[in-house]
Amino acid sequence: MDRGTVGSASRGRLHVEIRQHGTSAVVTVAGELDHHTADLLRESLEGCVDDGYARLVVDCSRLEFMDSTGLNVLLGARLKAEAAGGGVHLAGMQPVVARVFEITGAEAVFTVHDTLDAALAD
């Protein structure tokens, strides 16, 4: 059951919203994820795992840009979530963001879904 927003924060050009969906934390990321804004997402994802959400669903549908710093944040969150018995699922990546994963081969280590609904149904 969706319990609504449990947290929301903005830093510069990035906005992060966290809500609970069953045993998952849904983290919606909007704007630009780069070396100036990455700490906001890092803190949010780590906080979710620390709060007992090992399954993280990152809604990327409103993410307009991501550089290697953002990718490293997601890779770090994946390791922490997997250590807690869960994982990171990525949903709704825009082509410009998906390209970062394709170029680096990182899509092979994440579960990627076309839509948020598909990620939540998995």
N, C-alpha and C. Protein backbone atom coordinates (compact mmCIF):
# COMPACT_ATOMS: atom_id res chain seq x y z
N MET A 1 0.84 -1.19 0.00
CA MET A 1 0.00 0.00 0.00
C MET A 1 0.88 1.24 0.00
N ASP A 2 0.52 2.19 -0.80
CA ASP A 2 1.26 3.44 -0.90
C ASP A 2 0.88 4.33 0.27
N ARG A 3 1.87 4.79 1.01
CA ARG A 3 1.60 5.64 2.17
C ARG A 3 1.92 7.09 1.92
N GLY A 4 2.13 7.47 0.67
CA GLY A 4 2.41 8.86 0.36
C GLY A 4 3.85 9.23 0.58
N THR A 5 4.10 10.50 0.47
CA THR A 5 5.46 11.01 0.57
C THR A 5 5.94 10.93 2.01
N VAL A 6 7.13 10.37 2.19
CA VAL A 6 7.74 10.32 3.52
C VAL A 6 8.92 11.27 3.62
N GLY A 7 9.37 11.80 2.50
CA GLY A 7 10.48 12.75 2.53
C GLY A 7 10.63 13.43 1.20
N SER A 8 11.12 14.66 1.25
CA SER A 8 11.31 15.43 0.04
C SER A 8 12.41 16.45 0.30
N ALA A 9 13.31 16.63 -0.67
CA ALA A 9 14.40 17.59 -0.49
C ALA A 9 14.86 18.08 -1.86
N SER A 10 15.39 19.28 -1.88
CA SER A 10 15.94 19.85 -3.10
C SER A 10 17.31 20.44 -2.82
N ARG A 11 18.17 20.36 -3.83
CA ARG A 11 19.48 21.00 -3.75
C ARG A 11 19.83 21.45 -5.15
N GLY A 12 19.90 22.74 -5.34
CA GLY A 12 20.23 23.26 -6.66
C GLY A 12 19.23 22.81 -7.70
N ARG A 13 19.69 22.11 -8.69
CA ARG A 13 18.86 21.68 -9.81
C ARG A 13 18.31 20.28 -9.64
N LEU A 14 18.36 19.73 -8.42
CA LEU A 14 17.88 18.36 -8.19
C LEU A 14 16.83 18.35 -7.09
N HIS A 15 15.77 17.59 -7.34
CA HIS A 15 14.72 17.40 -6.34
C HIS A 15 14.56 15.90 -6.13
N VAL A 16 14.51 15.47 -4.88
CA VAL A 16 14.35 14.06 -4.54
C VAL A 16 13.13 13.92 -3.65
N GLU A 17 12.26 12.99 -4.01
CA GLU A 17 11.07 12.70 -3.21
C GLU A 17 11.08 11.21 -2.88
N ILE A 18 10.78 10.89 -1.63
CA ILE A 18 10.78 9.49 -1.20
C ILE A 18 9.39 9.14 -0.69
N ARG A 19 8.89 7.99 -1.15
CA ARG A 19 7.63 7.50 -0.61
C ARG A 19 7.72 6.00 -0.44
N GLN A 20 6.87 5.50 0.41
CA GLN A 20 6.84 4.06 0.67
C GLN A 20 5.80 3.41 -0.23
N HIS A 21 6.16 2.26 -0.77
CA HIS A 21 5.22 1.45 -1.54
C HIS A 21 5.43 0.01 -1.09
N GLY A 22 4.59 -0.46 -0.21
CA GLY A 22 4.78 -1.79 0.36
C GLY A 22 6.09 -1.82 1.14
N THR A 23 6.95 -2.76 0.79
CA THR A 23 8.25 -2.87 1.47
C THR A 23 9.36 -2.15 0.72
N SER A 24 8.99 -1.43 -0.33
CA SER A 24 9.97 -0.70 -1.13
C SER A 24 9.94 0.79 -0.80
N ALA A 25 11.08 1.42 -1.00
CA ALA A 25 11.14 2.88 -0.99
C ALA A 25 11.21 3.31 -2.45
N VAL A 26 10.29 4.19 -2.84
CA VAL A 26 10.29 4.74 -4.18
C VAL A 26 10.94 6.11 -4.10
N VAL A 27 12.04 6.26 -4.81
CA VAL A 27 12.81 7.50 -4.79
C VAL A 27 12.68 8.15 -6.16
N THR A 28 11.94 9.26 -6.22
CA THR A 28 11.75 9.97 -7.48
C THR A 28 12.80 11.08 -7.56
N VAL A 29 13.54 11.07 -8.66
CA VAL A 29 14.62 12.02 -8.86
C VAL A 29 14.25 12.91 -10.04
N ALA A 30 14.30 14.22 -9.84
CA ALA A 30 13.94 15.15 -10.90
C ALA A 30 15.02 16.22 -11.04
N GLY A 31 15.37 16.54 -12.28
CA GLY A 31 16.35 17.59 -12.54
C GLY A 31 17.67 17.04 -13.03
N GLU A 32 18.76 17.61 -12.50
CA GLU A 32 20.10 17.27 -12.97
C GLU A 32 20.92 16.67 -11.83
N LEU A 33 21.42 15.46 -12.08
CA LEU A 33 22.23 14.74 -11.11
C LEU A 33 23.69 14.80 -11.54
N ASP A 34 24.47 15.62 -10.83
CA ASP A 34 25.88 15.79 -11.17
C ASP A 34 26.68 15.98 -9.90
N HIS A 35 27.94 16.36 -10.02
CA HIS A 35 28.81 16.46 -8.85
C HIS A 35 28.35 17.54 -7.87
N HIS A 36 27.54 18.48 -8.32
CA HIS A 36 27.02 19.51 -7.42
C HIS A 36 25.82 19.04 -6.61
N THR A 37 25.07 18.06 -7.14
CA THR A 37 23.82 17.65 -6.51
C THR A 37 23.81 16.21 -6.01
N ALA A 38 24.86 15.46 -6.30
CA ALA A 38 24.87 14.02 -6.01
C ALA A 38 24.73 13.68 -4.53
N ASP A 39 25.25 14.52 -3.66
CA ASP A 39 25.16 14.22 -2.23
C ASP A 39 23.72 14.12 -1.75
N LEU A 40 22.83 14.91 -2.33
CA LEU A 40 21.42 14.85 -1.94
C LEU A 40 20.85 13.47 -2.22
N LEU A 41 21.11 12.92 -3.40
CA LEU A 41 20.62 11.58 -3.72
C LEU A 41 21.32 10.53 -2.88
N ARG A 42 22.64 10.66 -2.69
CA ARG A 42 23.38 9.70 -1.87
C ARG A 42 22.78 9.62 -0.46
N GLU A 43 22.57 10.77 0.15
CA GLU A 43 22.01 10.81 1.50
C GLU A 43 20.61 10.21 1.54
N SER A 44 19.82 10.49 0.52
CA SER A 44 18.45 9.97 0.47
C SER A 44 18.43 8.45 0.34
N LEU A 45 19.23 7.91 -0.58
CA LEU A 45 19.27 6.46 -0.78
C LEU A 45 19.83 5.73 0.44
N GLU A 46 20.92 6.25 0.99
CA GLU A 46 21.50 5.63 2.18
C GLU A 46 20.52 5.69 3.35
N GLY A 47 19.79 6.80 3.47
CA GLY A 47 18.79 6.93 4.52
C GLY A 47 17.69 5.90 4.39
N CYS A 48 17.27 5.61 3.16
CA CYS A 48 16.25 4.58 2.94
C CYS A 48 16.71 3.22 3.43
N VAL A 49 17.93 2.85 3.07
CA VAL A 49 18.47 1.55 3.51
C VAL A 49 18.62 1.54 5.02
N ASP A 50 19.12 2.63 5.59
CA ASP A 50 19.26 2.73 7.04
C ASP A 50 17.91 2.61 7.75
N ASP A 51 16.84 3.06 7.08
CA ASP A 51 15.49 2.99 7.65
C ASP A 51 14.83 1.63 7.42
N GLY A 52 15.55 0.70 6.82
CA GLY A 52 15.03 -0.66 6.66
C GLY A 52 14.46 -0.98 5.29
N TYR A 53 14.62 -0.10 4.32
CA TYR A 53 14.15 -0.37 2.96
C TYR A 53 15.31 -0.89 2.13
N ALA A 54 15.40 -2.20 1.99
CA ALA A 54 16.50 -2.77 1.20
C ALA A 54 16.18 -2.76 -0.29
N ARG A 55 14.89 -2.68 -0.64
CA ARG A 55 14.50 -2.62 -2.05
C ARG A 55 14.21 -1.16 -2.39
N LEU A 56 15.05 -0.61 -3.26
CA LEU A 56 14.92 0.79 -3.66
C LEU A 56 14.50 0.84 -5.12
N VAL A 57 13.44 1.56 -5.39
CA VAL A 57 12.99 1.78 -6.75
C VAL A 57 13.24 3.24 -7.07
N VAL A 58 14.14 3.49 -8.01
CA VAL A 58 14.50 4.86 -8.37
C VAL A 58 13.75 5.23 -9.65
N ASP A 59 12.82 6.17 -9.50
CA ASP A 59 12.04 6.66 -10.64
C ASP A 59 12.86 7.75 -11.33
N CYS A 60 13.38 7.42 -12.50
CA CYS A 60 14.25 8.33 -13.25
C CYS A 60 13.50 9.08 -14.35
N SER A 61 12.18 8.98 -14.39
CA SER A 61 11.42 9.53 -15.50
C SER A 61 11.52 11.06 -15.59
N ARG A 62 11.86 11.73 -14.49
CA ARG A 62 11.99 13.19 -14.51
C ARG A 62 13.44 13.64 -14.38
N LEU A 63 14.37 12.68 -14.49
CA LEU A 63 15.79 12.99 -14.43
C LEU A 63 16.24 13.43 -15.82
N GLU A 64 16.70 14.67 -15.92
CA GLU A 64 17.04 15.26 -17.21
C GLU A 64 18.50 15.09 -17.60
N PHE A 65 19.37 14.86 -16.62
CA PHE A 65 20.81 14.76 -16.89
C PHE A 65 21.44 13.97 -15.75
N MET A 66 22.44 13.17 -16.08
CA MET A 66 23.21 12.47 -15.07
C MET A 66 24.63 12.28 -15.58
N ASP A 67 25.62 12.60 -14.73
CA ASP A 67 27.01 12.37 -15.10
C ASP A 67 27.55 11.17 -14.31
N SER A 68 28.85 10.96 -14.40
CA SER A 68 29.46 9.80 -13.75
C SER A 68 29.35 9.85 -12.23
N THR A 69 29.28 11.04 -11.66
CA THR A 69 29.10 11.16 -10.21
C THR A 69 27.76 10.56 -9.80
N GLY A 70 26.72 10.86 -10.57
CA GLY A 70 25.40 10.29 -10.30
C GLY A 70 25.40 8.78 -10.44
N LEU A 71 26.08 8.29 -11.46
CA LEU A 71 26.19 6.85 -11.65
C LEU A 71 26.87 6.20 -10.45
N ASN A 72 27.93 6.83 -9.95
CA ASN A 72 28.63 6.29 -8.78
C ASN A 72 27.74 6.26 -7.55
N VAL A 73 26.88 7.26 -7.39
CA VAL A 73 25.93 7.26 -6.28
C VAL A 73 25.01 6.05 -6.37
N LEU A 74 24.48 5.79 -7.56
CA LEU A 74 23.58 4.65 -7.74
C LEU A 74 24.30 3.32 -7.54
N LEU A 75 25.55 3.23 -7.99
CA LEU A 75 26.33 2.01 -7.79
C LEU A 75 26.58 1.78 -6.30
N GLY A 76 26.90 2.84 -5.57
CA GLY A 76 27.11 2.72 -4.12
C GLY A 76 25.84 2.30 -3.40
N ALA A 77 24.71 2.86 -3.81
CA ALA A 77 23.43 2.50 -3.21
C ALA A 77 23.10 1.03 -3.49
N ARG A 78 23.44 0.59 -4.69
CA ARG A 78 23.21 -0.81 -5.05
C ARG A 78 23.98 -1.75 -4.13
N LEU A 79 25.23 -1.43 -3.86
CA LEU A 79 26.03 -2.27 -2.97
C LEU A 79 25.44 -2.30 -1.56
N LYS A 80 25.04 -1.13 -1.07
CA LYS A 80 24.48 -1.05 0.28
C LYS A 80 23.14 -1.79 0.36
N ALA A 81 22.30 -1.63 -0.65
CA ALA A 81 21.00 -2.31 -0.66
C ALA A 81 21.18 -3.83 -0.76
N GLU A 82 22.10 -4.26 -1.61
CA GLU A 82 22.34 -5.70 -1.74
C GLU A 82 22.90 -6.29 -0.45
N ALA A 83 23.74 -5.55 0.25
CA ALA A 83 24.28 -6.02 1.53
C ALA A 83 23.16 -6.19 2.56
N ALA A 84 22.07 -5.43 2.38
CA ALA A 84 20.92 -5.52 3.28
C ALA A 84 19.88 -6.52 2.78
N GLY A 85 20.21 -7.24 1.70
CA GLY A 85 19.31 -8.26 1.18
C GLY A 85 18.35 -7.78 0.11
N GLY A 86 18.58 -6.60 -0.44
CA GLY A 86 17.67 -6.04 -1.44
C GLY A 86 18.38 -5.71 -2.73
N GLY A 87 18.02 -4.57 -3.30
CA GLY A 87 18.63 -4.14 -4.55
C GLY A 87 18.06 -2.81 -4.99
N VAL A 88 18.59 -2.32 -6.09
CA VAL A 88 18.14 -1.06 -6.67
C VAL A 88 17.53 -1.36 -8.03
N HIS A 89 16.30 -0.90 -8.22
CA HIS A 89 15.59 -1.03 -9.48
C HIS A 89 15.47 0.37 -10.07
N LEU A 90 15.79 0.51 -11.35
CA LEU A 90 15.70 1.80 -12.04
C LEU A 90 14.51 1.77 -12.98
N ALA A 91 13.76 2.87 -13.00
CA ALA A 91 12.55 2.90 -13.82
C ALA A 91 12.47 4.19 -14.63
N GLY A 92 11.97 4.06 -15.86
CA GLY A 92 11.62 5.21 -16.67
C GLY A 92 12.77 6.11 -17.09
N MET A 93 13.91 5.52 -17.40
CA MET A 93 15.06 6.36 -17.77
C MET A 93 14.84 7.04 -19.11
N GLN A 94 15.12 8.34 -19.14
CA GLN A 94 15.10 9.10 -20.38
C GLN A 94 16.33 8.69 -21.21
N PRO A 95 16.28 8.83 -22.53
CA PRO A 95 17.40 8.40 -23.38
C PRO A 95 18.75 8.99 -22.98
N VAL A 96 18.80 10.26 -22.58
CA VAL A 96 20.07 10.88 -22.22
C VAL A 96 20.68 10.23 -20.97
N VAL A 97 19.84 9.78 -20.06
CA VAL A 97 20.31 9.10 -18.85
C VAL A 97 20.65 7.65 -19.16
N ALA A 98 19.80 7.00 -19.93
CA ALA A 98 20.06 5.60 -20.30
C ALA A 98 21.39 5.46 -21.03
N ARG A 99 21.75 6.48 -21.78
CA ARG A 99 23.01 6.44 -22.53
C ARG A 99 24.22 6.31 -21.61
N VAL A 100 24.18 6.96 -20.45
CA VAL A 100 25.28 6.84 -19.47
C VAL A 100 25.44 5.39 -19.05
N PHE A 101 24.33 4.70 -18.84
CA PHE A 101 24.39 3.30 -18.44
C PHE A 101 24.88 2.41 -19.58
N GLU A 102 24.46 2.71 -20.79
CA GLU A 102 24.89 1.94 -21.95
C GLU A 102 26.39 2.10 -22.19
N ILE A 103 26.88 3.33 -22.16
CA ILE A 103 28.29 3.60 -22.43
C ILE A 103 29.19 2.90 -21.42
N THR A 104 28.78 2.90 -20.15
CA THR A 104 29.61 2.33 -19.09
C THR A 104 29.37 0.84 -18.85
N GLY A 105 28.28 0.31 -19.42
CA GLY A 105 27.93 -1.09 -19.17
C GLY A 105 27.22 -1.29 -17.84
N ALA A 106 26.90 -0.21 -17.16
CA ALA A 106 26.29 -0.31 -15.83
C ALA A 106 24.88 -0.88 -15.85
N GLU A 107 24.20 -0.83 -17.00
CA GLU A 107 22.85 -1.39 -17.04
C GLU A 107 22.85 -2.88 -16.72
N ALA A 108 24.00 -3.53 -16.88
CA ALA A 108 24.10 -4.97 -16.62
C ALA A 108 24.02 -5.29 -15.12
N VAL A 109 24.29 -4.32 -14.25
CA VAL A 109 24.29 -4.62 -12.81
C VAL A 109 23.04 -4.10 -12.10
N PHE A 110 22.14 -3.46 -12.84
CA PHE A 110 20.89 -2.97 -12.28
C PHE A 110 19.72 -3.69 -12.93
N THR A 111 18.61 -3.76 -12.20
CA THR A 111 17.36 -4.19 -12.81
C THR A 111 16.70 -2.92 -13.35
N VAL A 112 16.52 -2.88 -14.66
CA VAL A 112 15.99 -1.68 -15.32
C VAL A 112 14.59 -1.99 -15.85
N HIS A 113 13.66 -1.09 -15.57
CA HIS A 113 12.27 -1.23 -16.00
C HIS A 113 11.90 -0.03 -16.87
N ASP A 114 11.02 -0.28 -17.84
CA ASP A 114 10.58 0.81 -18.71
C ASP A 114 9.76 1.86 -17.96
N THR A 115 8.95 1.40 -17.00
CA THR A 115 8.08 2.32 -16.27
C THR A 115 8.15 2.06 -14.76
N LEU A 116 7.69 3.03 -13.99
CA LEU A 116 7.61 2.86 -12.54
C LEU A 116 6.63 1.75 -12.19
N ASP A 117 5.50 1.69 -12.89
CA ASP A 117 4.52 0.64 -12.61
C ASP A 117 5.12 -0.74 -12.80
N ALA A 118 5.92 -0.91 -13.84
CA ALA A 118 6.56 -2.21 -14.08
C ALA A 118 7.53 -2.55 -12.96
N ALA A 119 8.26 -1.55 -12.47
CA ALA A 119 9.22 -1.78 -11.38
C ALA A 119 8.49 -2.16 -10.10
N LEU A 120 7.37 -1.53 -9.84
CA LEU A 120 6.61 -1.83 -8.63
C LEU A 120 5.91 -3.17 -8.69
N ALA A 121 5.58 -3.62 -9.91
CA ALA A 121 4.92 -4.91 -10.08
C ALA A 121 5.90 -6.07 -9.99
N ASP A 122 7.18 -5.81 -10.18
CA ASP A 122 8.21 -6.86 -10.19
C ASP A 122 8.44 -7.40 -8.79
